[in-house]
């Protein structure tokens, strides 16, 4: 058994105990449209700081909160993810959302994934501060808190109202770990706009992902 200290949402430090007979798995959901360097850095920092044995990228085919946006077909997004995570043996892709009818709620996805692992497996769901702030409006958020530990990526432009969150979801502060990592202002929708405008996305996405976008002419017609 080994232990590491991580900042907690209460302002102190949370001790994470890692035992040899208990696997720790990271779950990273999103549209990944396209996957970019910020996604990869977040996943790798979570793997390192939380001593995760594996991080599952779970592309959503039909996220209910993004039905007002035109999404790239999920098979393109999965292919880009394959290119992006190639070479990292700890990263893998789950099709648990891609292969089932939507809408795809995070709580349902977590419960489906949990069935694939032994009961003692610890699941860590990676979530941005903006999503954490909106968590009370998610589908069955209390079930999500009970099913996994939340790992929040802090953002300088998002201030959380912990009093409101604790009132809406009692016990949430004890279920959140703050991830200490470099803050990169890279957003998938901005990358789409840059491609549409003919601007460079070099160094913001892996080289292979950029080549795939150019080859398949993704985002060129986004308006």
Protein backbone atom coordinates (compact mmCIF):
# COMPACT_ATOMS: atom_id res chain seq x y z
CA UNK A 1 0.00 0.00 0.00
CA UNK A 2 1.20 3.52 -0.75
CA UNK A 3 -0.26 6.97 -0.17
CA UNK A 4 -0.15 10.34 -1.84
CA UNK A 5 -1.58 13.72 -0.82
CA UNK A 6 -3.79 15.70 -3.18
CA UNK A 7 -5.57 19.03 -2.70
CA UNK A 8 -9.22 18.59 -1.77
CA UNK A 9 -12.18 20.86 -2.37
CA UNK A 10 -12.30 21.73 1.33
CA UNK A 11 -9.03 23.63 0.99
CA UNK A 12 -6.92 21.01 2.75
CA UNK A 13 -5.22 17.87 1.50
CA UNK A 14 -6.81 14.52 0.84
CA UNK A 15 -4.78 11.35 1.31
CA UNK A 16 -5.23 8.86 -1.51
CA UNK A 17 -4.46 5.30 -0.50
CA UNK A 18 -3.48 2.96 -3.31
CA UNK A 19 -3.54 -0.75 -2.60
CA UNK A 20 -2.11 -3.43 -4.81
CA UNK A 21 -5.36 -5.42 -4.91
CA UNK A 22 -7.59 -2.44 -5.75
CA UNK A 23 -7.45 -0.99 -9.24
CA UNK A 24 -7.84 2.74 -9.76
CA UNK A 25 -9.43 3.70 -13.09
CA UNK A 26 -9.88 7.16 -14.59
CA UNK A 27 -12.94 7.96 -16.73
CA UNK A 28 -12.74 10.89 -19.13
CA UNK A 29 -15.99 11.61 -20.93
CA UNK A 30 -16.58 14.23 -23.58
CA UNK A 31 -17.24 14.89 -27.24
CA UNK A 32 -13.53 15.21 -28.15
CA UNK A 33 -14.45 17.21 -31.25
CA UNK A 34 -11.53 17.34 -31.83
CA UNK A 35 -9.30 15.85 -29.09
CA UNK A 36 -6.53 18.31 -28.24
CA UNK A 37 -3.39 18.68 -26.14
CA UNK A 38 -5.36 19.93 -23.14
CA UNK A 39 -7.31 16.66 -23.05
CA UNK A 40 -4.11 14.63 -23.15
CA UNK A 41 -2.32 16.66 -20.48
CA UNK A 42 -5.31 16.43 -18.14
CA UNK A 43 -5.55 12.65 -18.60
CA UNK A 44 -1.82 12.15 -18.07
CA UNK A 45 -1.70 14.38 -14.98
CA UNK A 46 -4.65 12.48 -13.52
CA UNK A 47 -2.94 9.16 -14.27
CA UNK A 48 0.26 10.33 -12.61
CA UNK A 49 -1.13 12.17 -9.58
CA UNK A 50 -3.85 9.62 -8.78
CA UNK A 51 -1.65 6.62 -9.67
CA UNK A 52 -4.28 5.33 -12.06
CA UNK A 53 -3.65 2.05 -13.82
CA UNK A 54 -5.69 3.14 -16.83
CA UNK A 55 -7.63 6.12 -18.18
CA UNK A 56 -10.69 5.44 -20.35
CA UNK A 57 -11.66 8.10 -22.89
CA UNK A 58 -15.41 7.85 -23.47
CA UNK A 59 -16.64 9.84 -26.49
CA UNK A 60 -20.35 10.65 -26.26
CA UNK A 61 -22.39 10.17 -29.41
CA UNK A 62 -25.46 12.10 -28.22
CA UNK A 63 -24.73 14.35 -25.21
CA UNK A 64 -28.03 15.96 -24.11
CA UNK A 65 -26.38 19.27 -23.16
CA UNK A 66 -24.93 19.75 -26.66
CA UNK A 67 -27.95 19.03 -28.82
CA UNK A 68 -27.86 22.61 -30.08
CA UNK A 69 -24.44 21.96 -31.66
CA UNK A 70 -23.57 20.06 -34.80
CA UNK A 71 -21.26 17.25 -33.75
CA UNK A 72 -18.77 15.50 -35.99
CA UNK A 73 -19.87 11.85 -36.51
CA UNK A 74 -18.68 9.78 -33.58
CA UNK A 75 -16.61 7.42 -35.73
CA UNK A 76 -14.44 10.36 -36.87
CA UNK A 77 -14.02 11.45 -33.25
CA UNK A 78 -13.05 7.94 -32.20
CA UNK A 79 -10.48 7.71 -34.99
CA UNK A 80 -8.97 11.03 -33.91
CA UNK A 81 -8.82 9.77 -30.33
CA UNK A 82 -7.03 6.61 -31.45
CA UNK A 83 -4.41 8.77 -33.13
CA UNK A 84 -4.13 11.11 -30.15
CA UNK A 85 -3.54 8.43 -27.50
CA UNK A 86 -1.34 6.12 -29.59
CA UNK A 87 1.80 5.18 -27.71
CA UNK A 88 0.38 5.60 -24.20
CA UNK A 89 -0.36 2.12 -22.87
CA UNK A 90 -2.37 3.54 -19.96
CA UNK A 91 -4.87 5.24 -22.28
CA UNK A 92 -7.72 3.41 -23.94
CA UNK A 93 -11.07 4.19 -25.57
CA UNK A 94 -14.45 2.91 -24.45
CA UNK A 95 -17.35 2.72 -26.91
CA UNK A 96 -19.91 2.33 -24.13
CA UNK A 97 -21.71 5.51 -25.28
CA UNK A 98 -20.93 5.26 -28.98
CA UNK A 99 -22.56 1.84 -29.30
CA UNK A 100 -25.84 2.53 -27.50
CA UNK A 101 -28.78 4.81 -28.26
CA UNK A 102 -28.82 8.24 -26.70
CA UNK A 103 -29.26 10.51 -24.97
CA UNK A 104 -26.03 9.70 -23.16
CA UNK A 105 -26.04 10.70 -19.52
CA UNK A 106 -22.82 10.55 -17.52
CA UNK A 107 -24.38 8.68 -14.61
CA UNK A 108 -25.60 5.89 -16.90
CA UNK A 109 -22.19 5.68 -18.55
CA UNK A 110 -20.41 5.34 -15.20
CA UNK A 111 -22.76 2.55 -14.08
CA UNK A 112 -22.26 0.68 -17.36
CA UNK A 113 -18.50 0.93 -17.04
CA UNK A 114 -18.55 -0.16 -13.40
CA UNK A 115 -20.04 -3.49 -14.45
CA UNK A 116 -16.88 -4.16 -16.47
CA UNK A 117 -14.59 -4.03 -13.41
CA UNK A 118 -14.33 -5.93 -10.13
CA UNK A 119 -16.53 -4.46 -7.36
CA UNK A 120 -13.55 -3.07 -5.43
CA UNK A 121 -12.34 -0.97 -8.37
CA UNK A 122 -12.17 2.76 -7.62
CA UNK A 123 -13.47 4.98 -10.42
CA UNK A 124 -12.37 8.59 -10.85
CA UNK A 125 -14.41 10.80 -13.18
CA UNK A 126 -12.48 13.73 -14.66
CA UNK A 127 -14.58 16.89 -14.78
CA UNK A 128 -13.90 20.56 -15.52
CA UNK A 129 -14.69 23.32 -13.03
CA UNK A 130 -17.38 24.69 -15.34
CA UNK A 131 -19.11 21.30 -15.45
CA UNK A 132 -18.72 20.89 -11.69
CA UNK A 133 -20.44 24.24 -11.15
CA UNK A 134 -23.38 23.00 -13.22
CA UNK A 135 -23.49 19.52 -11.66
CA UNK A 136 -26.80 20.02 -9.76
CA UNK A 137 -28.51 20.38 -13.15
CA UNK A 138 -27.14 17.07 -14.46
CA UNK A 139 -29.17 13.87 -14.74
CA UNK A 140 -29.18 12.08 -11.33
CA UNK A 141 -26.07 13.87 -10.00
CA UNK A 142 -26.33 12.27 -6.55
CA UNK A 143 -26.02 8.83 -8.15
CA UNK A 144 -22.88 10.02 -9.92
CA UNK A 145 -21.32 11.13 -6.63
CA UNK A 146 -22.10 7.76 -5.08
CA UNK A 147 -20.64 5.83 -8.01
CA UNK A 148 -17.27 7.52 -8.34
CA UNK A 149 -14.84 10.11 -7.06
CA UNK A 150 -14.84 13.40 -8.98
CA UNK A 151 -11.52 14.83 -10.11
CA UNK A 152 -11.90 18.52 -10.92
CA UNK A 153 -9.67 20.56 -13.19
CA UNK A 154 -9.48 24.08 -11.79
CA UNK A 155 -9.98 27.08 -14.08
CA UNK A 156 -9.00 30.66 -13.34
CA UNK A 157 -12.18 32.01 -14.95
CA UNK A 158 -14.61 29.81 -12.97
CA UNK A 159 -15.40 30.46 -9.29
CA UNK A 160 -17.34 27.72 -7.55
CA UNK A 161 -20.11 28.47 -5.09
CA UNK A 162 -19.39 25.63 -2.68
CA UNK A 163 -22.22 26.69 -0.35
CA UNK A 164 -24.74 26.30 -3.17
CA UNK A 165 -23.20 23.02 -4.34
CA UNK A 166 -23.22 21.55 -0.84
CA UNK A 167 -26.85 22.56 -0.35
CA UNK A 168 -27.86 21.08 -3.70
CA UNK A 169 -25.70 17.95 -3.36
CA UNK A 170 -24.92 17.24 0.29
CA UNK A 171 -21.48 15.68 0.75
CA UNK A 172 -20.09 16.80 -2.60
CA UNK A 173 -17.00 18.45 -1.11
CA UNK A 174 -15.84 15.12 0.28
CA UNK A 175 -16.18 13.56 -3.18
CA UNK A 176 -14.05 16.07 -5.10
CA UNK A 177 -10.28 16.01 -5.63
CA UNK A 178 -8.68 19.10 -7.18
CA UNK A 179 -6.16 18.28 -9.88
CA UNK A 180 -3.00 20.37 -9.88
CA UNK A 181 -1.95 20.87 -13.49
CA UNK A 182 -0.98 23.56 -16.02
CA UNK A 183 -3.96 25.53 -17.26
CA UNK A 184 -4.19 25.54 -21.05
CA UNK A 185 -6.78 27.69 -22.78
CA UNK A 186 -7.55 25.24 -25.57
CA UNK A 187 -11.17 24.54 -26.45
CA UNK A 188 -12.50 22.21 -29.11
CA UNK A 189 -15.09 24.69 -30.40
CA UNK A 190 -12.36 27.30 -30.86
CA UNK A 191 -10.25 24.80 -32.80
CA UNK A 192 -13.24 24.15 -35.06
CA UNK A 193 -13.56 27.88 -35.70
CA UNK A 194 -9.86 28.17 -36.49
CA UNK A 195 -10.04 25.36 -39.04
CA UNK A 196 -13.14 26.91 -40.58
CA UNK A 197 -11.31 30.24 -40.89
CA UNK A 198 -8.20 28.65 -42.37
CA UNK A 199 -6.07 29.37 -39.31
CA UNK A 200 -3.42 27.08 -37.84
CA UNK A 201 -4.11 24.57 -35.05
CA UNK A 202 -0.52 23.34 -34.99
CA UNK A 203 0.77 22.45 -31.49
CA UNK A 204 -2.78 22.58 -30.12
CA UNK A 205 -3.64 19.08 -31.37
CA UNK A 206 -1.34 16.10 -32.02
CA UNK A 207 0.25 16.13 -35.48
CA UNK A 208 -1.69 13.03 -36.54
CA UNK A 209 -4.99 14.56 -35.45
CA UNK A 210 -4.33 17.69 -37.49
CA UNK A 211 -3.49 15.54 -40.52
CA UNK A 212 -6.73 13.56 -40.05
CA UNK A 213 -8.77 16.77 -39.85
CA UNK A 214 -7.18 18.07 -43.06
CA UNK A 215 -7.54 14.72 -44.85
CA UNK A 216 -11.25 14.42 -44.08
CA UNK A 217 -11.89 18.16 -44.35
CA UNK A 218 -13.52 18.28 -40.94
CA UNK A 219 -14.85 21.62 -39.65
CA UNK A 220 -14.25 23.42 -42.96
CA UNK A 221 -17.98 23.96 -43.44
CA UNK A 222 -18.77 24.80 -39.83
CA UNK A 223 -20.41 28.17 -39.70
